[in-house]
Amino acid sequence: MRPSPIAATVDLEADGVRHGFLRLPHSRDDSAWGSVMIPLAVIRNGEGPTALLTGGNHGDEYEGPIALFDLARTLRAEDVRGRVIVVPAMNYPAFRAGTRTSPIDRGNLNRAFPGSPDGTVTQKIADYFQRTLLPMADIVLDFHSGGRTLDFVPFAAAHVLPDKRQEAASFAAVAAFGAPFSMRMLEIDAVGMYDTAAEAMGKVFVTTELGGGGTATARTAGIAKRGVANVLRHAGILRGAVEARETRWLDMPSGDCFTFAEDEGLLEPLVDLGEPVRRGDVLARAHPVGRTGAEPVAFRARLDGILAARHFPGLVKAGDCVAVVGVAD
């Protein structure tokens, strides 16, 4: 396989604080010899672990970029032992467009791994992370939230893994993050995910869902900023003690956590995020909008727990995820 076309404009191995870019050549109508310039910061101080911190994997999710642009600006080399690699907006074209996928190739970066150096722009970004940045890391923190179409109770998460030592280390980092909720995560589609790529390399991997609706709030941005500092302290990279925060653990034990729409309609929520539900409870209703007098379709919980996520826009289409129930400890 040929080398990646992406090049870092700063030395990833040198001590100190360096701000630069991952430069990806991209010839286009308005710039024949143009490039996609993905902002990057590297903070290093001697030997020690490496943390790879990423946001903007999906371009309409903002808590991660807020926390990481702020961290890159303020983190000093003398406060670090080891190295911190900060990429606040991995899928930079999507981030600038405010869309989940890239406006260049419609690529979903979190379904593009392992990527390809000969592929689309999104595949080339995935390939660079797969073959260059992930192998450098000991711990990976990738920020997510619900974007424009979902809303979540704010949680940090890791996955149940075959390697129980790796799993325990990942859940310990989740606990250190200190979000209001901590999730033992189940993915409905893990093929091509950044998470899967990192975990296959044996990395400690933490992700989040910190809200949604295509925006951030003061609360969720604050959770992200405190959480990333706590993870770095937990890893022994940043000086100081982890700021202890109470968290409530949730499980996603099966596909019964998810509720999907089979028809379109006007969505009426009947349960708010974080509220308890029992199996059989109506979580929401979809009212047909083609004419008056038609009965709404009820979406029911299939297990006991709390409402952990919900569809955000007011209209729902067939196939949309309407709700996710998390099972509380």
C-alpha atoms as a PDB file:
ATOM      1  CA  MET A   1       0.000   0.000   0.000  1.00  0.00           C
ATOM      2  CA  ARG A   2       1.361   3.391  -0.922  1.00  0.00           C
ATOM      3  CA  PRO A   3       2.128   6.086   1.678  1.00  0.00           C
ATOM      4  CA  SER A   4      -0.618   8.408   2.821  1.00  0.00           C
ATOM      5  CA  PRO A   5      -0.963  11.607   0.798  1.00  0.00           C
ATOM      6  CA  ILE A   6      -1.572  13.446   4.096  1.00  0.00           C
ATOM      7  CA  ALA A   7       1.398  15.169   5.715  1.00  0.00           C
ATOM      8  CA  ALA A   8       1.613  16.845   9.117  1.00  0.00           C
ATOM      9  CA  THR A   9       3.017  20.367   8.930  1.00  0.00           C
ATOM     10  CA  VAL A  10       4.519  20.025  12.436  1.00  0.00           C
ATOM     11  CA  ASP A  11       6.891  17.499  13.961  1.00  0.00           C
ATOM     12  CA  LEU A  12       4.833  14.937  15.852  1.00  0.00           C
ATOM     13  CA  GLU A  13       7.872  13.785  17.855  1.00  0.00           C
ATOM     14  CA  ALA A  14       9.407  17.077  19.036  1.00  0.00           C
ATOM     15  CA  ASP A  15       9.004  18.460  22.551  1.00  0.00           C
ATOM     16  CA  GLY A  16       7.053  21.653  23.121  1.00  0.00           C
ATOM     17  CA  VAL A  17       3.736  22.989  21.815  1.00  0.00           C
ATOM     18  CA  ARG A  18       3.171  22.972  18.075  1.00  0.00           C
ATOM     19  CA  HIS A  19       0.140  24.108  16.116  1.00  0.00           C
ATOM     20  CA  GLY A  20      -0.249  23.128  12.488  1.00  0.00           C
ATOM     21  CA  PHE A  21      -2.259  21.047  10.085  1.00  0.00           C
ATOM     22  CA  LEU A  22      -2.750  17.676   8.521  1.00  0.00           C
ATOM     23  CA  ARG A  23      -2.499  18.756   4.871  1.00  0.00           C
ATOM     24  CA  LEU A  24      -4.376  16.637   2.329  1.00  0.00           C
ATOM     25  CA  PRO A  25      -3.889  17.619  -1.340  1.00  0.00           C
ATOM     26  CA  HIS A  26      -7.286  18.085  -2.966  1.00  0.00           C
ATOM     27  CA  SER A  27      -7.630  19.450  -6.479  1.00  0.00           C
ATOM     28  CA  ARG A  28     -10.972  21.148  -7.008  1.00  0.00           C
ATOM     29  CA  ASP A  29     -12.677  23.714  -9.206  1.00  0.00           C
ATOM     30  CA  ASP A  30     -11.691  26.707  -7.082  1.00  0.00           C
ATOM     31  CA  SER A  31      -8.131  25.572  -6.291  1.00  0.00           C
ATOM     32  CA  ALA A  32      -6.334  23.359  -8.802  1.00  0.00           C
ATOM     33  CA  TRP A  33      -3.464  22.607  -6.415  1.00  0.00           C
ATOM     34  CA  GLY A  34      -5.542  23.001  -3.279  1.00  0.00           C
ATOM     35  CA  SER A  35      -5.512  21.169   0.031  1.00  0.00           C
ATOM     36  CA  VAL A  36      -7.811  20.225   2.891  1.00  0.00           C
ATOM     37  CA  MET A  37      -6.127  21.704   5.970  1.00  0.00           C
ATOM     38  CA  ILE A  38      -7.144  19.853   9.153  1.00  0.00           C
ATOM     39  CA  PRO A  39      -6.093  21.760  12.316  1.00  0.00           C
ATOM     40  CA  LEU A  40      -3.727  19.874  14.602  1.00  0.00           C
ATOM     41  CA  ALA A  41      -1.890  20.522  17.859  1.00  0.00           C
ATOM     42  CA  VAL A  42       0.853  18.408  19.427  1.00  0.00           C
ATOM     43  CA  ILE A  43       1.980  18.999  23.010  1.00  0.00           C
ATOM     44  CA  ARG A  44       4.905  16.894  24.162  1.00  0.00           C
ATOM     45  CA  ASN A  45       7.177  16.832  27.174  1.00  0.00           C
ATOM     46  CA  GLY A  46       9.621  13.940  27.300  1.00  0.00           C
ATOM     47  CA  GLU A  47       8.802  10.281  27.577  1.00  0.00           C
ATOM     48  CA  GLY A  48       5.380   9.058  28.624  1.00  0.00           C
ATOM     49  CA  PRO A  49       2.023   7.920  27.272  1.00  0.00           C
ATOM     50  CA  THR A  50       0.392   9.406  24.182  1.00  0.00           C
ATOM     51  CA  ALA A  51      -3.240  10.533  24.162  1.00  0.00           C
ATOM     52  CA  LEU A  52      -5.003  11.023  20.828  1.00  0.00           C
ATOM     53  CA  LEU A  53      -7.947  13.418  21.293  1.00  0.00           C
ATOM     54  CA  THR A  54     -10.450  13.870  18.477  1.00  0.00           C
ATOM     55  CA  GLY A  55     -13.691  15.686  17.769  1.00  0.00           C
ATOM     56  CA  GLY A  56     -15.708  16.467  14.670  1.00  0.00           C
ATOM     57  CA  ASN A  57     -15.715  12.861  13.488  1.00  0.00           C
ATOM     58  CA  HIS A  58     -19.207  13.941  12.467  1.00  0.00           C
ATOM     59  CA  GLY A  59     -19.298  17.583  11.470  1.00  0.00           C
ATOM     60  CA  ASP A  60     -22.510  18.630  13.233  1.00  0.00           C
ATOM     61  CA  GLU A  61     -21.389  17.642  16.740  1.00  0.00           C
ATOM     62  CA  TYR A  62     -19.827  20.497  18.676  1.00  0.00           C
ATOM     63  CA  GLU A  63     -18.894  19.666  22.271  1.00  0.00           C
ATOM     64  CA  GLY A  64     -15.692  17.909  21.182  1.00  0.00           C
ATOM     65  CA  PRO A  65     -14.424  20.718  18.953  1.00  0.00           C
ATOM     66  CA  ILE A  66     -15.209  23.286  21.671  1.00  0.00           C
ATOM     67  CA  ALA A  67     -13.285  21.339  24.315  1.00  0.00           C
ATOM     68  CA  LEU A  68     -10.368  20.477  22.043  1.00  0.00           C
ATOM     69  CA  PHE A  69      -9.817  23.865  20.410  1.00  0.00           C
ATOM     70  CA  ASP A  70      -9.790  25.274  23.959  1.00  0.00           C
ATOM     71  CA  LEU A  71      -7.407  22.592  25.236  1.00  0.00           C
ATOM     72  CA  ALA A  72      -5.033  23.067  22.300  1.00  0.00           C
ATOM     73  CA  ARG A  73      -4.896  26.789  23.029  1.00  0.00           C
ATOM     74  CA  THR A  74      -4.285  26.497  26.770  1.00  0.00           C
ATOM     75  CA  LEU A  75      -2.320  23.289  27.408  1.00  0.00           C
ATOM     76  CA  ARG A  76       1.328  23.929  28.335  1.00  0.00           C
ATOM     77  CA  ALA A  77       4.148  21.490  27.698  1.00  0.00           C
ATOM     78  CA  GLU A  78       5.393  21.775  31.281  1.00  0.00           C
ATOM     79  CA  ASP A  79       2.066  20.404  32.538  1.00  0.00           C
ATOM     80  CA  VAL A  80       2.353  17.288  30.374  1.00  0.00           C
ATOM     81  CA  ARG A  81       4.251  14.039  30.781  1.00  0.00           C
ATOM     82  CA  GLY A  82       4.343  12.338  27.422  1.00  0.00           C
ATOM     83  CA  ARG A  83       2.356  13.572  24.425  1.00  0.00           C
ATOM     84  CA  VAL A  84      -1.086  14.889  23.568  1.00  0.00           C
ATOM     85  CA  ILE A  85      -2.194  14.903  19.916  1.00  0.00           C
ATOM     86  CA  VAL A  86      -5.269  17.076  19.423  1.00  0.00           C
ATOM     87  CA  VAL A  87      -7.406  17.014  16.266  1.00  0.00           C
ATOM     88  CA  PRO A  88     -10.524  19.051  17.117  1.00  0.00           C
ATOM     89  CA  ALA A  89     -12.295  18.352  13.802  1.00  0.00           C
ATOM     90  CA  MET A  90     -11.281  15.050  12.178  1.00  0.00           C
ATOM     91  CA  ASN A  91     -13.704  15.333   9.257  1.00  0.00           C
ATOM     92  CA  TYR A  92     -12.831  18.970   8.680  1.00  0.00           C
ATOM     93  CA  PRO A  93     -14.888  19.421   5.478  1.00  0.00           C
ATOM     94  CA  ALA A  94     -17.989  18.148   7.300  1.00  0.00           C
ATOM     95  CA  PHE A  95     -17.221  20.340  10.326  1.00  0.00           C
ATOM     96  CA  ARG A  96     -16.959  23.473   8.193  1.00  0.00           C
ATOM     97  CA  ALA A  97     -20.223  22.585   6.448  1.00  0.00           C
ATOM     98  CA  GLY A  98     -22.034  21.752   9.694  1.00  0.00           C
ATOM     99  CA  THR A  99     -23.059  18.367   8.302  1.00  0.00           C
ATOM    100  CA  ARG A 100     -22.695  14.800   9.547  1.00  0.00           C
ATOM    101  CA  THR A 101     -20.944  13.664   6.361  1.00  0.00           C
ATOM    102  CA  SER A 102     -18.402  15.324   4.102  1.00  0.00           C
ATOM    103  CA  PRO A 103     -19.766  17.761   1.508  1.00  0.00           C
ATOM    104  CA  ILE A 104     -16.936  16.647  -0.798  1.00  0.00           C
ATOM    105  CA  ASP A 105     -17.742  12.941  -1.099  1.00  0.00           C
ATOM    106  CA  ARG A 106     -20.700  12.393   1.316  1.00  0.00           C
ATOM    107  CA  GLY A 107     -18.344  10.226   3.335  1.00  0.00           C
ATOM    108  CA  ASN A 108     -19.211   9.281   6.918  1.00  0.00           C
ATOM    109  CA  LEU A 109     -15.755   9.197   8.515  1.00  0.00           C
ATOM    110  CA  ASN A 110     -16.972   6.958  11.328  1.00  0.00           C
ATOM    111  CA  ARG A 111     -17.891   4.274   8.777  1.00  0.00           C
ATOM    112  CA  ALA A 112     -14.797   4.686   6.566  1.00  0.00           C
ATOM    113  CA  PHE A 113     -12.094   2.781   8.478  1.00  0.00           C
ATOM    114  CA  PRO A 114      -9.548   1.421   7.702  1.00  0.00           C
ATOM    115  CA  GLY A 115      -9.703   3.847   4.795  1.00  0.00           C
ATOM    116  CA  SER A 116      -7.466   3.980   1.751  1.00  0.00           C
ATOM    117  CA  PRO A 117      -4.646   6.266   0.572  1.00  0.00           C
ATOM    118  CA  ASP A 118      -6.082   5.937  -2.957  1.00  0.00           C
ATOM    119  CA  GLY A 119      -9.722   6.524  -2.017  1.00  0.00           C
ATOM    120  CA  THR A 120     -12.000   9.489  -1.485  1.00  0.00           C
ATOM    121  CA  VAL A 121     -11.074  12.427   0.740  1.00  0.00           C
ATOM    122  CA  THR A 122     -12.874  10.794   3.684  1.00  0.00           C
ATOM    123  CA  GLN A 123     -11.147   7.450   3.077  1.00  0.00           C
ATOM    124  CA  LYS A 124      -7.765   9.185   2.939  1.00  0.00           C
ATOM    125  CA  ILE A 125      -8.401  10.844   6.318  1.00  0.00           C
ATOM    126  CA  ALA A 126      -9.406   7.486   7.810  1.00  0.00           C
ATOM    127  CA  ASP A 127      -6.288   5.845   6.376  1.00  0.00           C
ATOM    128  CA  TYR A 128      -4.010   8.474   7.958  1.00  0.00           C
ATOM    129  CA  PHE A 129      -5.546   7.924  11.374  1.00  0.00           C
ATOM    130  CA  GLN A 130      -5.464   4.141  10.890  1.00  0.00           C
ATOM    131  CA  ARG A 131      -1.824   3.876   9.841  1.00  0.00           C
ATOM    132  CA  THR A 132      -0.163   6.949  11.393  1.00  0.00           C
ATOM    133  CA  LEU A 133      -1.948   8.436  14.408  1.00  0.00           C
ATOM    134  CA  LEU A 134      -3.680   5.465  16.051  1.00  0.00           C
ATOM    135  CA  PRO A 135      -0.469   3.383  16.283  1.00  0.00           C
ATOM    136  CA  MET A 136       1.142   6.261  18.234  1.00  0.00           C
ATOM    137  CA  ALA A 137      -1.607   6.368  20.865  1.00  0.00           C
ATOM    138  CA  ASP A 138      -1.956   4.620  24.205  1.00  0.00           C
ATOM    139  CA  ILE A 139      -5.367   6.120  24.930  1.00  0.00           C
ATOM    140  CA  VAL A 140      -7.916   7.568  22.505  1.00  0.00           C
ATOM    141  CA  LEU A 141     -10.802   9.904  23.372  1.00  0.00           C
ATOM    142  CA  ASP A 142     -13.235  10.581  20.516  1.00  0.00           C
ATOM    143  CA  PHE A 143     -16.037  13.070  21.222  1.00  0.00           C
ATOM    144  CA  HIS A 144     -19.526  12.597  19.831  1.00  0.00           C
ATOM    145  CA  SER A 145     -22.988  13.997  20.425  1.00  0.00           C
ATOM    146  CA  GLY A 146     -26.303  13.577  18.642  1.00  0.00           C
ATOM    147  CA  GLY A 147     -25.762  16.055  15.832  1.00  0.00           C
ATOM    148  CA  ARG A 148     -28.789  17.546  14.166  1.00  0.00           C
ATOM    149  CA  THR A 149     -30.972  14.430  14.341  1.00  0.00           C
ATOM    150  CA  LEU A 150     -30.507  12.930  17.824  1.00  0.00           C
ATOM    151  CA  ASP A 151     -30.346  14.131  21.414  1.00  0.00           C
ATOM    152  CA  PHE A 152     -28.742  12.199  24.298  1.00  0.00           C
ATOM    153  CA  VAL A 153     -28.423  12.325  28.026  1.00  0.00           C
ATOM    154  CA  PRO A 154     -24.751  13.312  28.409  1.00  0.00           C
ATOM    155  CA  PHE A 155     -22.612  10.195  28.756  1.00  0.00           C
ATOM    156  CA  ALA A 156     -19.108   8.863  28.246  1.00  0.00           C
ATOM    157  CA  ALA A 157     -18.891   5.304  26.985  1.00  0.00           C
ATOM    158  CA  ALA A 158     -16.769   2.313  26.139  1.00  0.00           C
ATOM    159  CA  HIS A 159     -17.570  -1.044  24.588  1.00  0.00           C
ATOM    160  CA  VAL A 160     -17.741  -4.546  25.954  1.00  0.00           C
ATOM    161  CA  LEU A 161     -14.628  -6.200  24.471  1.00  0.00           C
ATOM    162  CA  PRO A 162     -13.221  -9.729  24.123  1.00  0.00           C
ATOM    163  CA  ASP A 163     -10.030  -8.609  25.885  1.00  0.00           C
ATOM    164  CA  LYS A 164     -11.253  -8.038  29.437  1.00  0.00           C
ATOM    165  CA  ARG A 165      -8.098  -6.205  30.530  1.00  0.00           C
ATOM    166  CA  GLN A 166      -8.537  -3.733  27.664  1.00  0.00           C
ATOM    167  CA  GLU A 167     -12.239  -3.471  28.483  1.00  0.00           C
ATOM    168  CA  ALA A 168     -11.532  -2.771  32.174  1.00  0.00           C
ATOM    169  CA  ALA A 169      -8.971  -0.107  31.292  1.00  0.00           C
ATOM    170  CA  SER A 170     -11.434   1.567  28.939  1.00  0.00           C
ATOM    171  CA  PHE A 171     -14.247   1.593  31.510  1.00  0.00           C
ATOM    172  CA  ALA A 172     -11.847   2.960  34.127  1.00  0.00           C
ATOM    173  CA  ALA A 173     -11.139   5.873  31.768  1.00  0.00           C
ATOM    174  CA  VAL A 174     -14.896   6.342  31.246  1.00  0.00           C
ATOM    175  CA  ALA A 175     -15.363   6.573  35.009  1.00  0.00           C
ATOM    176  CA  ALA A 176     -12.531   9.103  35.223  1.00  0.00           C
ATOM    177  CA  PHE A 177     -14.168  11.247  32.509  1.00  0.00           C
ATOM    178  CA  GLY A 178     -16.951  11.875  35.005  1.00  0.00           C
ATOM    179  CA  ALA A 179     -19.970  12.513  32.784  1.00  0.00           C
ATOM    180  CA  PRO A 180     -23.399  12.512  34.439  1.00  0.00           C
ATOM    181  CA  PHE A 181     -23.966   9.089  32.837  1.00  0.00           C
ATOM    182  CA  SER A 182     -21.522   6.340  31.863  1.00  0.00           C
ATOM    183  CA  MET A 183     -22.568   3.809  29.227  1.00  0.00           C
ATOM    184  CA  ARG A 184     -21.587   0.236  28.466  1.00  0.00           C
ATOM    185  CA  MET A 185     -22.152   0.767  24.772  1.00  0.00           C
ATOM    186  CA  LEU A 186     -23.778  -1.427  22.147  1.00  0.00           C
ATOM    187  CA  GLU A 187     -23.366  -0.373  18.500  1.00  0.00           C
ATOM    188  CA  ILE A 188     -25.998  -1.235  15.919  1.00  0.00           C
ATOM    189  CA  ASP A 189     -23.441  -0.844  13.109  1.00  0.00           C
ATOM    190  CA  ALA A 190     -19.785  -1.138  14.165  1.00  0.00           C
ATOM    191  CA  VAL A 191     -18.329  -1.895  10.711  1.00  0.00           C
ATOM    192  CA  GLY A 192     -15.856   0.772   9.592  1.00  0.00           C
ATOM    193  CA  MET A 193     -15.919   2.681  12.869  1.00  0.00           C
ATOM    194  CA  TYR A 194     -12.971   4.587  14.317  1.00  0.00           C
ATOM    195  CA  ASP A 195     -13.834   2.905  17.629  1.00  0.00           C
ATOM    196  CA  THR A 196     -13.456  -0.550  16.090  1.00  0.00           C
ATOM    197  CA  ALA A 197     -10.139   0.349  14.464  1.00  0.00           C
ATOM    198  CA  ALA A 198      -8.675   1.645  17.735  1.00  0.00           C
ATOM    199  CA  GLU A 199      -9.961  -1.272  19.804  1.00  0.00           C
ATOM    200  CA  ALA A 200      -8.574  -3.802  17.309  1.00  0.00           C
ATOM    201  CA  MET A 201      -5.137  -2.301  17.981  1.00  0.00           C
ATOM    202  CA  GLY A 202      -5.584  -2.839  21.719  1.00  0.00           C
ATOM    203  CA  LYS A 203      -6.002   0.856  22.554  1.00  0.00           C
ATOM    204  CA  VAL A 204      -7.903   2.208  25.528  1.00  0.00           C
ATOM    205  CA  PHE A 205     -10.821   3.883  23.771  1.00  0.00           C
ATOM    206  CA  VAL A 206     -13.399   6.282  25.228  1.00  0.00           C
ATOM    207  CA  THR A 207     -16.216   7.945  23.340  1.00  0.00           C
ATOM    208  CA  THR A 208     -19.090  10.216  24.323  1.00  0.00           C
ATOM    209  CA  GLU A 209     -22.601  11.305  23.456  1.00  0.00           C
ATOM    210  CA  LEU A 210     -23.005  14.681  25.123  1.00  0.00           C
ATOM    211  CA  GLY A 211     -26.275  16.123  23.857  1.00  0.00           C
ATOM    212  CA  GLY A 212     -27.433  16.909  20.354  1.00  0.00           C
ATOM    213  CA  GLY A 213     -29.739  18.913  18.195  1.00  0.00           C
ATOM    214  CA  GLY A 214     -26.860  20.299  16.147  1.00  0.00           C
ATOM    215  CA  THR A 215     -25.613  22.603  18.891  1.00  0.00           C
ATOM    216  CA  ALA A 216     -23.890  22.627  22.268  1.00  0.00           C
ATOM    217  CA  THR A 217     -24.984  24.073  25.595  1.00  0.00           C
ATOM    218  CA  ALA A 218     -23.003  25.588  28.433  1.00  0.00           C
ATOM    219  CA  ARG A 219     -23.627  22.401  30.400  1.00  0.00           C
ATOM    220  CA  THR A 220     -22.532  19.951  27.710  1.00  0.00           C
ATOM    221  CA  ALA A 221     -19.493  21.990  26.689  1.00  0.00           C
ATOM    222  CA  GLY A 222     -18.471  22.145  30.355  1.00  0.00           C
ATOM    223  CA  ILE A 223     -18.832  18.371  30.681  1.00  0.00           C
ATOM    224  CA  ALA A 224     -16.568  17.926  27.653  1.00  0.00           C
ATOM    225  CA  LYS A 225     -13.884  20.295  28.954  1.00  0.00           C
ATOM    226  CA  ARG A 226     -13.813  18.743  32.429  1.00  0.00           C
ATOM    227  CA  GLY A 227     -13.936  15.248  30.969  1.00  0.00           C
ATOM    228  CA  VAL A 228     -10.946  15.581  28.670  1.00  0.00           C
ATOM    229  CA  ALA A 229      -8.824  17.031  31.491  1.00  0.00           C
ATOM    230  CA  ASN A 230      -9.883  14.156  33.757  1.00  0.00           C
ATOM    231  CA  VAL A 231      -8.982  11.533  31.150  1.00  0.00           C
ATOM    232  CA  LEU A 232      -5.535  13.078  30.704  1.00  0.00           C
ATOM    233  CA  ARG A 233      -5.011  13.111  34.484  1.00  0.00           C
ATOM    234  CA  HIS A 234      -6.221   9.523  34.730  1.00  0.00           C
ATOM    235  CA  ALA A 235      -3.707   8.499  32.052  1.00  0.00           C
ATOM    236  CA  GLY A 236      -0.860  10.155  33.949  1.00  0.00           C
ATOM    237  CA  ILE A 237      -0.272  12.666  31.158  1.00  0.00           C
ATOM    238  CA  LEU A 238      -1.633  15.810  32.808  1.00  0.00           C
ATOM    239  CA  ARG A 239      -0.614  16.879  36.299  1.00  0.00           C
ATOM    240  CA  GLY A 240      -3.159  16.891  39.078  1.00  0.00           C
ATOM    241  CA  ALA A 241      -5.847  14.640  40.458  1.00  0.00           C
ATOM    242  CA  VAL A 242      -8.963  13.527  38.634  1.00  0.00           C
ATOM    243  CA  GLU A 243     -11.890  15.794  39.547  1.00  0.00           C
ATOM    244  CA  ALA A 244     -14.332  13.292  41.023  1.00  0.00           C
ATOM    245  CA  ARG A 245     -17.862  13.513  39.622  1.00  0.00           C
ATOM    246  CA  GLU A 246     -20.871  11.360  40.374  1.00  0.00           C
ATOM    247  CA  THR A 247     -21.903   9.236  37.397  1.00  0.00           C
ATOM    248  CA  ARG A 248     -24.792   6.860  36.813  1.00  0.00           C
ATOM    249  CA  TRP A 249     -23.956   3.688  34.909  1.00  0.00           C
ATOM    250  CA  LEU A 250     -26.166   2.493  32.075  1.00  0.00           C
ATOM    251  CA  ASP A 251     -26.116  -0.641  29.940  1.00  0.00           C
ATOM    252  CA  MET A 252     -27.245  -1.275  26.375  1.00  0.00           C
ATOM    253  CA  PRO A 253     -27.688  -5.053  26.669  1.00  0.00           C
ATOM    254  CA  SER A 254     -29.402  -5.811  23.344  1.00  0.00           C
ATOM    255  CA  GLY A 255     -31.110  -4.477  20.263  1.00  0.00           C
ATOM    256  CA  ASP A 256     -34.244  -4.065  22.369  1.00  0.00           C
ATOM    257  CA  CYS A 257     -32.754  -0.758  23.504  1.00  0.00           C
ATOM    258  CA  PHE A 258     -33.494   0.756  20.092  1.00  0.00           C
ATOM    259  CA  THR A 259     -36.843   1.856  18.678  1.00  0.00           C
ATOM    260  CA  PHE A 260     -37.135   2.602  14.957  1.00  0.00           C
ATOM    261  CA  ALA A 261     -39.924   4.218  12.946  1.00  0.00           C
ATOM    262  CA  GLU A 262     -41.622   2.175  10.234  1.00  0.00           C
ATOM    263  CA  ASP A 263     -43.678   5.090   8.890  1.00  0.00           C
ATOM    264  CA  GLU A 264     -43.325   8.840   8.613  1.00  0.00           C
ATOM    265  CA  GLY A 265     -45.171  11.369  10.690  1.00  0.00           C
ATOM    266  CA  LEU A 266     -45.189  14.240  13.181  1.00  0.00           C
ATOM    267  CA  LEU A 267     -43.380  13.072  16.311  1.00  0.00           C
ATOM    268  CA  GLU A 268     -44.969  13.705  19.693  1.00  0.00           C
ATOM    269  CA  PRO A 269     -42.561  12.915  22.563  1.00  0.00           C
ATOM    270  CA  LEU A 270     -44.271  11.461  25.626  1.00  0.00           C
ATOM    271  CA  VAL A 271     -41.129  10.893  27.744  1.00  0.00           C
ATOM    272  CA  ASP A 272     -38.246  13.304  28.239  1.00  0.00           C
ATOM    273  CA  LEU A 273     -34.563  12.397  28.321  1.00  0.00           C
ATOM    274  CA  GLY A 274     -33.424  10.812  31.560  1.00  0.00           C
ATOM    275  CA  GLU A 275     -36.927   9.875  32.712  1.00  0.00           C
ATOM    276  CA  PRO A 276     -37.616   6.284  33.821  1.00  0.00           C
ATOM    277  CA  VAL A 277     -39.627   3.988  31.565  1.00  0.00           C
ATOM    278  CA  ARG A 278     -41.103   0.520  31.907  1.00  0.00           C
ATOM    279  CA  ARG A 279     -41.422  -2.085  29.223  1.00  0.00           C
ATOM    280  CA  GLY A 280     -44.551  -1.334  27.215  1.00  0.00           C
ATOM    281  CA  ASP A 281     -44.611   2.393  28.033  1.00  0.00           C
ATOM    282  CA  VAL A 282     -45.326   4.652  25.050  1.00  0.00           C
ATOM    283  CA  LEU A 283     -42.200   6.707  24.440  1.00  0.00           C
ATOM    284  CA  ALA A 284     -43.563   8.785  21.570  1.00  0.00           C
ATOM    285  CA  ARG A 285     -46.279   8.852  18.928  1.00  0.00           C
ATOM    286  CA  ALA A 286     -46.076   9.635  15.205  1.00  0.00           C
ATOM    287  CA  HIS A 287     -49.128  11.428  13.872  1.00  0.00           C
ATOM    288  CA  PRO A 288     -49.892  10.879  10.169  1.00  0.00           C
ATOM    289  CA  VAL A 289     -49.849  14.239   8.405  1.00  0.00           C
ATOM    290  CA  GLY A 290     -51.483  13.426   5.080  1.00  0.00           C
ATOM    291  CA  ARG A 291     -54.997  13.997   6.439  1.00  0.00           C
ATOM    292  CA  THR A 292     -56.837  14.588   9.691  1.00  0.00           C
ATOM    293  CA  GLY A 293     -58.594  11.853  11.624  1.00  0.00           C
ATOM    294  CA  ALA A 294     -55.870   9.165  11.299  1.00  0.00           C
ATOM    295  CA  GLU A 295     -54.672   7.365  14.421  1.00  0.00           C
ATOM    296  CA  PRO A 296     -51.068   8.007  15.558  1.00  0.00           C
ATOM    297  CA  VAL A 297     -48.516   5.199  15.688  1.00  0.00           C
ATOM    298  CA  ALA A 298     -47.223   4.464  19.204  1.00  0.00           C
ATOM    299  CA  PHE A 299     -43.559   3.670  19.887  1.00  0.00           C
ATOM    300  CA  ARG A 300     -43.198   1.524  23.014  1.00  0.00           C
ATOM    301  CA  ALA A 301     -40.247   0.687  25.241  1.00  0.00           C
ATOM    302  CA  ARG A 302     -39.170  -2.931  24.968  1.00  0.00           C
ATOM    303  CA  LEU A 303     -37.365  -3.006  28.314  1.00  0.00           C
ATOM    304  CA  ASP A 304     -37.161  -1.155  31.633  1.00  0.00           C
ATOM    305  CA  GLY A 305     -34.682   1.689  32.001  1.00  0.00           C
ATOM    306  CA  ILE A 306     -34.387   5.395  31.247  1.00  0.00           C
ATOM    307  CA  LEU A 307     -34.786   7.296  28.005  1.00  0.00           C
ATOM    308  CA  ALA A 308     -31.150   7.789  26.950  1.00  0.00           C
ATOM    309  CA  ALA A 309     -31.652   9.189  23.453  1.00  0.00           C
ATOM    310  CA  ARG A 310     -34.434  10.486  21.243  1.00  0.00           C
ATOM    311  CA  HIS A 311     -35.058  11.643  17.698  1.00  0.00           C
ATOM    312  CA  PHE A 312     -34.596  15.419  17.617  1.00  0.00           C
ATOM    313  CA  PRO A 313     -36.422  16.876  14.580  1.00  0.00           C
ATOM    314  CA  GLY A 314     -40.182  17.198  14.780  1.00  0.00           C
ATOM    315  CA  LEU A 315     -40.819  15.028  11.717  1.00  0.00           C
ATOM    316  CA  VAL A 316     -39.785  11.383  11.576  1.00  0.00           C
ATOM    317  CA  LYS A 317     -39.236   9.144   8.534  1.00  0.00           C
ATOM    318  CA  ALA A 318     -39.338   5.372   8.136  1.00  0.00           C
ATOM    319  CA  GLY A 319     -36.063   3.909   9.386  1.00  0.00           C
ATOM    320  CA  ASP A 320     -35.239   6.768  11.766  1.00  0.00           C
ATOM    321  CA  CYS A 321     -34.166   5.912  15.290  1.00  0.00           C
ATOM    322  CA  VAL A 322     -36.938   7.286  17.481  1.00  0.00           C
ATOM    323  CA  ALA A 323     -35.569   6.404  20.934  1.00  0.00           C
ATOM    324  CA  VAL A 324     -32.896   4.515  22.860  1.00  0.00           C
ATOM    325  CA  VAL A 325     -33.497   3.086  26.321  1.00  0.00           C
ATOM    326  CA  GLY A 326     -30.537   2.576  28.625  1.00  0.00           C
ATOM    327  CA  VAL A 327     -30.768   0.063  31.459  1.00  0.00           C
ATOM    328  CA  ALA A 328     -29.764   1.621  34.756  1.00  0.00           C
ATOM    329  CA  ASP A 329     -27.620  -0.204  37.321  1.00  0.00           C
END
